[in-house]
Protein backbone atom coordinates (compact mmCIF):
# COMPACT_ATOMS: atom_id res chain seq x y z
CA MET A 1 45.79 -92.36 48.59
CA SER A 2 42.00 -92.44 48.20
CA ASP A 3 40.11 -95.70 48.07
CA PRO A 4 39.22 -96.90 44.58
CA SER A 5 35.67 -96.27 43.45
CA PRO A 6 33.30 -99.20 43.93
CA PRO A 7 32.43 -101.11 40.78
CA ALA A 8 29.45 -99.78 38.83
CA PRO A 9 26.26 -101.76 39.46
CA PHE A 10 25.62 -104.37 36.77
CA GLY A 11 29.07 -103.75 35.37
CA GLY A 12 28.02 -100.36 34.01
CA VAL A 13 26.24 -102.08 31.12
CA PHE A 14 23.21 -99.75 31.15
CA ALA A 15 25.14 -96.49 30.82
CA GLY A 16 24.18 -94.79 27.57
CA ARG A 17 21.64 -97.48 26.63
CA ARG A 18 18.24 -96.57 25.20
CA VAL A 19 15.62 -98.45 27.23
CA PHE A 20 11.90 -98.74 26.48
CA VAL A 21 9.81 -99.45 29.60
CA THR A 22 6.13 -100.40 29.43
CA GLY A 23 4.13 -99.86 32.61
CA HIS A 24 6.52 -97.17 33.82
CA THR A 25 3.81 -95.31 35.75
CA GLY A 26 3.13 -98.30 38.01
CA PHE A 27 4.77 -99.08 41.35
CA LYS A 28 7.59 -101.27 40.06
CA GLY A 29 7.92 -99.36 36.80
CA SER A 30 8.45 -96.02 38.54
CA TRP A 31 11.18 -97.42 40.78
CA LEU A 32 12.77 -99.08 37.74
CA CYS A 33 12.90 -95.83 35.78
CA LEU A 34 14.47 -94.01 38.72
CA TRP A 35 17.14 -96.70 38.99
CA LEU A 36 17.78 -96.69 35.23
CA LYS A 37 18.42 -92.94 35.44
CA ARG A 38 21.00 -93.53 38.17
CA LEU A 39 22.60 -96.20 35.99
CA GLY A 40 23.03 -93.75 33.11
CA ALA A 41 20.34 -95.15 30.81
CA GLU A 42 18.06 -93.08 28.58
CA ALA A 43 14.59 -94.38 29.37
CA THR A 44 11.35 -93.98 27.44
CA GLY A 45 8.16 -94.90 29.30
CA TYR A 46 4.92 -96.09 27.71
CA ALA A 47 1.81 -96.62 29.84
CA PHE A 48 -1.54 -95.32 30.98
CA ASP A 49 -1.62 -92.60 33.64
CA PRO A 50 -0.58 -93.87 37.09
CA PRO A 51 -2.99 -96.62 38.21
CA THR A 52 -3.33 -95.23 41.73
CA ASP A 53 -3.68 -91.83 43.36
CA PRO A 54 -1.38 -91.20 45.14
CA SER A 55 1.41 -92.95 43.24
CA HIS A 56 5.16 -93.25 43.53
CA PHE A 57 5.42 -92.06 39.90
CA ALA A 58 3.75 -88.73 40.68
CA ALA A 59 5.02 -88.28 44.24
CA ALA A 60 8.67 -88.74 43.19
CA GLY A 61 8.37 -86.81 39.92
CA ILE A 62 9.58 -89.77 37.85
CA SER A 63 8.53 -88.05 34.62
CA ASP A 64 11.44 -85.64 35.12
CA THR A 65 13.92 -88.54 34.93
CA LEU A 66 12.72 -89.81 31.53
CA ALA A 67 13.80 -89.06 27.99
CA ARG A 68 10.15 -89.53 26.95
CA ASP A 69 7.01 -90.00 29.02
CA LEU A 70 4.44 -91.48 26.64
CA ARG A 71 0.83 -92.36 27.37
CA GLY A 72 -0.70 -95.29 25.55
CA ASP A 73 -2.38 -98.69 25.74
CA VAL A 74 -0.05 -101.65 25.42
CA ARG A 75 -2.84 -103.41 23.49
CA ASP A 76 -2.82 -100.64 20.83
CA ARG A 77 -0.41 -102.30 18.43
CA ALA A 78 0.03 -99.35 16.08
CA ALA A 79 0.69 -96.81 18.85
CA LEU A 80 2.98 -99.22 20.68
CA ALA A 81 5.02 -99.99 17.56
CA ALA A 82 5.36 -96.28 16.78
CA ALA A 83 6.56 -95.57 20.32
CA ILE A 84 9.14 -98.35 20.14
CA ASP A 85 10.37 -97.04 16.79
CA GLU A 86 10.67 -93.53 18.25
CA CYS A 87 12.80 -94.84 21.12
CA ASP A 88 14.91 -97.16 18.92
CA PRO A 89 15.77 -99.20 22.03
CA ASP A 90 18.72 -101.38 22.90
CA LEU A 91 16.54 -102.92 25.62
CA ILE A 92 12.81 -103.36 26.19
CA LEU A 93 11.52 -104.02 29.70
CA HIS A 94 7.85 -105.03 29.55
CA LEU A 95 6.08 -104.46 32.88
CA ALA A 96 2.65 -103.19 31.76
CA ALA A 97 -0.06 -105.43 33.22
CA GLN A 98 -3.26 -105.78 35.18
CA SER A 99 -1.51 -106.67 38.42
CA VAL A 100 -4.22 -107.24 41.04
CA VAL A 101 -5.53 -110.76 41.74
CA ARG A 102 -8.95 -109.59 42.96
CA THR A 103 -9.39 -107.35 39.92
CA GLY A 104 -8.87 -110.46 37.83
CA TYR A 105 -12.05 -111.92 39.33
CA GLU A 106 -13.97 -108.70 38.68
CA GLU A 107 -12.60 -108.07 35.19
CA PRO A 108 -11.44 -111.44 33.83
CA PHE A 109 -11.64 -110.59 30.13
CA GLU A 110 -9.73 -107.33 30.54
CA THR A 111 -7.13 -109.15 32.66
CA PHE A 112 -6.49 -111.74 29.95
CA GLU A 113 -6.57 -109.08 27.25
CA THR A 114 -3.98 -106.89 28.97
CA ASN A 115 -1.68 -109.56 30.33
CA VAL A 116 -1.72 -111.96 27.39
CA MET A 117 -2.50 -109.88 24.32
CA GLY A 118 -0.55 -106.91 25.71
CA THR A 119 2.51 -109.13 25.96
CA ALA A 120 1.86 -110.53 22.49
CA ALA A 121 1.56 -106.96 21.17
CA VAL A 122 5.02 -106.11 22.51
CA LEU A 123 6.51 -109.26 21.00
CA GLU A 124 4.73 -108.71 17.68
CA ALA A 125 6.08 -105.16 17.51
CA VAL A 126 9.56 -106.56 18.11
CA ARG A 127 9.06 -109.28 15.46
CA THR A 128 7.83 -106.80 12.84
CA ARG A 129 10.58 -104.33 13.62
CA SER A 130 13.20 -107.08 13.38
CA ALA A 131 11.92 -108.10 9.95
CA THR A 132 11.92 -104.54 8.59
CA SER A 133 15.27 -103.53 10.15
CA GLY A 134 17.22 -106.54 8.99
CA GLY A 135 17.68 -107.92 12.47
CA ALA A 136 18.75 -104.82 14.40
CA PRO A 137 19.88 -106.04 17.86
CA VAL A 138 17.46 -105.64 20.78
CA SER A 139 17.14 -107.40 24.13
CA VAL A 140 13.69 -107.94 25.65
CA VAL A 141 12.78 -108.85 29.24
CA CYS A 142 9.11 -109.63 29.86
CA VAL A 143 7.96 -109.50 33.47
CA THR A 144 5.22 -111.94 34.49
CA SER A 145 4.56 -113.21 38.03
CA ASP A 146 5.24 -115.95 40.54
CA LYS A 147 1.53 -116.77 40.12
CA CYS A 148 2.11 -117.97 36.54
CA TYR A 149 2.53 -121.54 37.87
CA GLU A 150 -0.22 -124.07 38.44
CA ASN A 151 -0.32 -123.86 42.23
CA VAL A 152 -0.85 -127.28 43.85
CA GLU A 153 0.15 -125.99 47.31
CA GLN A 154 3.43 -127.91 47.28
CA VAL A 155 5.93 -127.17 50.02
CA TRP A 156 8.95 -126.96 47.70
CA GLY A 157 9.54 -124.07 45.32
CA TYR A 158 8.20 -124.05 41.79
CA ARG A 159 10.84 -124.44 39.10
CA GLU A 160 10.89 -122.86 35.66
CA THR A 161 9.94 -126.20 34.09
CA ASP A 162 6.74 -126.65 36.16
CA PRO A 163 3.29 -126.38 34.51
CA MET A 164 1.91 -122.92 33.82
CA GLY A 165 -1.47 -121.43 34.75
CA ASP A 166 -3.01 -120.98 38.20
CA HIS A 167 -6.72 -121.43 39.02
CA ASP A 168 -7.77 -117.76 38.98
CA PRO A 169 -7.95 -115.35 36.00
CA TYR A 170 -4.89 -113.36 37.09
CA GLY A 171 -2.68 -116.44 37.52
CA GLY A 172 -4.08 -117.98 34.36
CA SER A 173 -3.31 -114.83 32.38
CA LYS A 174 0.28 -114.78 33.63
CA GLY A 175 0.75 -118.45 32.75
CA ALA A 176 -0.70 -117.78 29.30
CA ALA A 177 1.65 -114.81 28.87
CA GLU A 178 4.59 -117.11 29.59
CA LEU A 179 3.33 -119.52 26.92
CA ALA A 180 3.12 -116.66 24.43
CA ILE A 181 6.68 -115.60 25.27
CA ARG A 182 7.92 -119.16 24.80
CA ALA A 183 6.08 -119.50 21.48
CA TYR A 184 7.61 -116.28 20.11
CA ARG A 185 11.06 -117.29 21.32
CA HIS A 186 10.97 -120.69 19.65
CA SER A 187 9.11 -119.63 16.50
CA PHE A 188 10.66 -116.25 15.70
CA PHE A 189 13.64 -115.58 18.00
CA PRO A 190 15.57 -118.87 18.32
CA THR A 191 19.08 -118.23 19.56
CA GLU A 192 20.64 -120.33 16.79
CA ARG A 193 19.35 -117.74 14.28
CA LEU A 194 20.29 -114.65 16.29
CA GLY A 195 22.22 -113.20 13.35
CA GLU A 196 19.00 -113.11 11.32
CA HIS A 197 16.58 -111.58 13.81
CA GLY A 198 18.82 -109.90 16.45
CA VAL A 199 16.34 -110.48 19.31
CA ARG A 200 17.35 -111.80 22.73
CA LEU A 201 14.25 -112.65 24.80
CA ALA A 202 13.88 -113.61 28.47
CA SER A 203 11.06 -113.65 31.02
CA VAL A 204 11.30 -113.07 34.75
CA ARG A 205 8.82 -114.28 37.36
CA ALA A 206 8.58 -112.50 40.69
CA GLY A 207 5.72 -111.57 42.96
CA ASN A 208 4.62 -110.26 46.33
CA VAL A 209 6.87 -107.27 45.92
CA ILE A 210 6.79 -104.74 48.74
CA GLY A 211 8.31 -101.32 49.22
CA GLY A 212 7.68 -97.64 49.77
CA GLY A 213 5.43 -95.73 47.41
CA ASP A 214 3.00 -98.58 46.76
CA TRP A 215 -0.68 -97.69 46.89
CA THR A 216 -1.99 -100.71 44.96
CA ARG A 217 -5.53 -101.77 45.79
CA ASP A 218 -5.80 -104.78 48.12
CA ALA A 219 -2.04 -104.98 48.68
CA LEU A 220 -1.21 -106.23 52.17
CA ILE A 221 1.50 -103.69 52.99
CA VAL A 222 -0.55 -100.80 51.61
CA ASP A 223 -3.53 -101.70 53.78
CA ALA A 224 -1.29 -102.39 56.77
CA VAL A 225 0.54 -99.05 56.56
CA ALA A 226 -2.76 -97.17 56.25
CA ALA A 227 -4.15 -98.93 59.33
CA LEU A 228 -0.96 -98.46 61.35
CA ARG A 229 -0.90 -94.77 60.53
CA ARG A 230 -4.48 -94.44 61.80
CA GLY A 231 -3.63 -96.44 64.93
CA GLU A 232 -6.01 -99.25 63.94
CA SER A 233 -5.65 -103.02 63.79
CA VAL A 234 -4.80 -104.50 60.38
CA GLY A 235 -7.59 -106.71 59.03
CA LEU A 236 -6.28 -109.95 57.49
CA ARG A 237 -8.24 -112.23 55.15
CA SER A 238 -5.66 -115.05 55.06
CA PRO A 239 -3.32 -114.68 58.06
CA GLY A 240 -1.75 -118.12 57.56
CA ALA A 241 -0.93 -117.75 53.83
CA TYR A 242 2.74 -117.88 52.81
CA ARG A 243 4.18 -115.79 49.97
CA PRO A 244 7.70 -115.14 48.58
CA TRP A 245 7.90 -111.58 49.96
CA GLN A 246 10.73 -109.40 48.66
CA HIS A 247 11.59 -105.72 48.34
CA VAL A 248 10.84 -103.98 45.06
CA LEU A 249 14.53 -103.24 44.54
CA GLN A 250 15.36 -106.91 44.86
CA ALA A 251 12.86 -107.82 42.14
CA LEU A 252 14.21 -105.03 39.92
CA ASP A 253 17.74 -106.25 40.63
CA GLY A 254 16.65 -109.59 39.17
CA TYR A 255 15.09 -107.94 36.11
CA LEU A 256 18.19 -105.83 35.48
CA THR A 257 20.53 -108.78 36.04
CA SER A 258 18.59 -110.73 33.41
CA ALA A 259 18.74 -107.74 31.05
CA ALA A 260 22.48 -107.33 31.60
CA ALA A 261 23.01 -111.01 30.80
CA LEU A 262 21.09 -110.63 27.54
CA LEU A 263 23.00 -107.51 26.53
CA THR A 264 26.44 -108.97 27.25
CA ALA A 265 26.14 -112.65 26.26
CA ASP A 266 28.64 -113.57 23.54
CA ALA A 267 26.74 -114.27 20.33
CA ASN A 268 29.26 -117.01 19.54
CA ASP A 269 28.67 -118.83 22.84
CA ALA A 270 25.61 -120.88 21.90
CA GLU A 271 25.26 -122.54 25.31
CA ARG A 272 25.39 -119.26 27.25
CA LEU A 273 23.07 -117.49 24.83
CA SER A 274 20.46 -120.25 25.06
CA ALA A 275 20.70 -120.24 28.86
CA VAL A 276 20.07 -116.51 29.31
CA CYS A 277 17.29 -116.40 26.67
CA SER A 278 14.79 -118.22 28.86
CA GLY A 279 12.63 -117.86 31.97
CA PHE A 280 13.87 -117.10 35.50
CA ASN A 281 12.33 -117.06 38.97
CA ILE A 282 13.29 -114.09 41.14
CA GLY A 283 12.52 -114.43 44.83
CA PRO A 284 13.91 -114.71 48.36
CA LEU A 285 16.25 -117.38 49.61
CA PRO A 286 14.55 -120.35 51.26
CA GLY A 287 14.53 -120.63 55.02
CA ARG A 288 12.95 -117.34 56.10
CA ALA A 289 9.41 -117.60 54.77
CA LEU A 290 6.80 -115.54 56.59
CA ASN A 291 3.05 -115.87 56.50
CA VAL A 292 0.73 -112.88 56.27
CA ARG A 293 0.32 -112.62 60.05
CA GLU A 294 4.09 -112.67 60.63
CA VAL A 295 4.64 -110.01 57.96
CA VAL A 296 2.20 -107.66 59.65
CA GLU A 297 3.64 -108.37 63.10
CA THR A 298 7.16 -107.65 61.82
CA LEU A 299 6.00 -104.47 60.09
CA ALA A 300 4.14 -103.31 63.22
CA ALA A 301 7.22 -103.93 65.36
CA GLU A 302 9.29 -101.81 62.97
CA TRP A 303 6.57 -99.17 62.97
CA GLY A 304 6.58 -99.10 66.74
CA ALA A 305 2.96 -100.03 67.40
CA GLY A 306 -0.03 -101.88 65.98
CA GLY A 307 -1.69 -105.26 65.75
CA TRP A 308 -3.94 -107.32 63.50
CA GLU A 309 -7.31 -109.05 63.47
CA ASP A 310 -8.67 -111.97 61.47
CA VAL A 311 -11.42 -110.73 59.11
CA SER A 312 -11.71 -113.87 56.98
CA ASP A 313 -15.35 -114.83 56.45
CA GLY A 314 -15.09 -117.37 53.64
CA ASN A 315 -16.69 -115.01 51.12
CA HIS A 316 -13.56 -113.59 49.52
CA PRO A 317 -12.19 -115.06 46.25
CA ARG A 318 -9.85 -118.04 46.41
CA GLU A 319 -6.27 -117.19 47.33
CA ALA A 320 -3.42 -119.68 47.41
CA GLY A 321 -2.33 -120.66 50.89
CA LEU A 322 1.24 -121.59 50.00
CA LEU A 323 3.56 -120.32 47.29
CA HIS A 324 7.33 -120.68 47.06
CA LEU A 325 9.73 -120.23 44.15
CA SER A 326 12.98 -122.04 43.46
CA ILE A 327 15.61 -119.47 42.49
CA ASP A 328 18.36 -122.00 41.79
CA ARG A 329 18.37 -121.31 38.06
CA ALA A 330 18.75 -117.53 38.42
CA MET A 331 21.56 -118.10 40.90
CA TRP A 332 23.37 -120.55 38.65
CA VAL A 333 22.85 -119.02 35.19
CA LEU A 334 22.71 -115.30 36.02
CA GLY A 335 24.89 -115.26 39.12
CA TRP A 336 22.02 -113.44 40.86
CA LYS A 337 21.35 -113.77 44.57
CA PRO A 338 19.10 -111.87 47.00
CA VAL A 339 20.81 -109.32 49.23
CA TRP A 340 17.91 -108.17 51.45
CA ASP A 341 15.96 -110.78 53.40
CA VAL A 342 12.30 -110.28 54.25
CA ASP A 343 13.10 -108.59 57.57
CA GLU A 344 15.29 -106.00 55.84
CA ALA A 345 12.65 -105.57 53.13
CA LEU A 346 10.06 -104.77 55.79
CA ARG A 347 12.44 -102.42 57.62
CA GLN A 348 13.16 -100.50 54.43
CA THR A 349 9.47 -100.36 53.55
CA ALA A 350 8.42 -99.04 56.94
CA ARG A 351 11.27 -96.53 56.87
CA TRP A 352 10.23 -95.17 53.45
CA TYR A 353 6.62 -94.58 54.52
CA ARG A 354 7.58 -93.09 57.88
CA ASP A 355 10.08 -90.72 56.25
CA CYS A 356 7.61 -89.78 53.52
CA PHE A 357 4.89 -89.02 56.05
CA SER A 358 7.39 -86.95 58.06
CA LEU A 359 8.23 -84.94 54.94
CA GLU A 360 4.52 -84.34 54.33
CA ASP A 361 3.93 -83.27 57.93
CA ALA A 362 6.89 -80.87 57.79
CA ALA A 363 5.63 -79.39 54.52
CA GLY A 364 2.06 -79.16 55.75
CA GLY A 365 0.85 -81.33 52.88
CA ASP A 366 2.58 -82.42 49.67
CA ALA A 367 6.23 -83.15 50.41
CA GLY A 368 7.28 -82.22 46.87
CA PRO A 369 8.72 -84.53 44.19
CA ALA A 370 12.35 -83.56 44.76
CA ALA A 371 12.20 -84.61 48.43
CA VAL A 372 10.38 -87.88 47.73
CA ARG A 373 12.68 -88.70 44.83
CA ALA A 374 15.71 -88.11 47.06
CA LEU A 375 14.18 -90.45 49.65
CA SER A 376 13.80 -93.19 47.04
CA GLU A 377 17.28 -92.56 45.64
CA ARG A 378 18.77 -93.02 49.11
CA GLN A 379 17.16 -96.46 49.31
CA ILE A 380 18.50 -97.36 45.87
CA ALA A 381 21.96 -96.24 46.98
CA GLY A 382 21.62 -98.42 50.08
CA TYR A 383 20.67 -101.40 47.94
CA GLU A 384 23.59 -100.75 45.58
CA ALA A 385 25.91 -100.74 48.60
CA ALA A 386 24.54 -104.14 49.58
CA LEU A 387 25.17 -105.35 46.02
CA GLU A 388 28.88 -104.59 46.41
CA ASN A 389 29.05 -107.19 49.18
CA ARG A 390 26.81 -109.77 47.52
CA PRO A 391 28.39 -113.21 47.89
CA ALA A 392 28.91 -115.25 44.77
CA ALA A 393 25.79 -117.20 43.83
CA ARG A 394 27.53 -120.14 42.21
């Protein structure tokens, strides 16, 4: 007798769902769309062209996995609302953002405009649609960042009730986005009036996401992989800084777990509904924090060679030296728990780049989207296998 099939990830809740994803051409968004396809969802993407060249979106041919691949500005309220209406989604996953801290210093107004008003535009489109549709049900997950908190360099993890807004434009914009989400939730989408508006709204806060296919400017792993491939030392601006490093699939696991909780919460269970319609931190378990130097050393060891050098000169913009998140609430309310620690995240990241470069070398150039997509799908399958053995979080 054959072994029974393993349970479907996330209880199979995404199969057949219409999902609207903003920022789908970005690093996290492209991986998310690929995973949604595997989960049986019908995804519509709305974003600018990929923000980097190369990009995981283009390299893996993510457009081929989508029901619709739409180009637009999340700040364009009319175009955004029309795209959402065309999709008629069960679920909206809002990832579109200006996502680079250093760019926030160079383009502060644009950073606030995209991250705050872009989020407000999504929520306003949902509010207007709810009013005109008579409260058609939709779940919304807005992705912000671990840098949304006012960072006072405390050694314990920030909780969802801590003050919002870091010192730099990027962190400030993410804190402000969280305030906008909270204002819309309380003013227009309160859970006690769900029958009137039909909107279930949550936010998720994760950062320092790593993984294959990232070519984001100024990202540590991106710079490190490029240097290691050239056989050069990795230049580090802040070798002693600590961050809540995690693999991209682990962050997406948190986003999808939050979305699944919204979609499945019993409308008659007021306590559960209120709990899932709120903000959640998604990050690694405490006890295995690595600083920037240790991350590069671990990555170099997995790569098989390489080292680093301190290039800090005091002239770069301020960067927090210590940042930890408390994930207790996500564990307790959502039943979510990390399955890959930082060492495994770095192993999987190094493996993706090495395998991708090997495909390119064998092809004499472009590896081709089918091969790169298969590489990414294998990592998703590996993560799903780890999910099957995830211990209970509560």
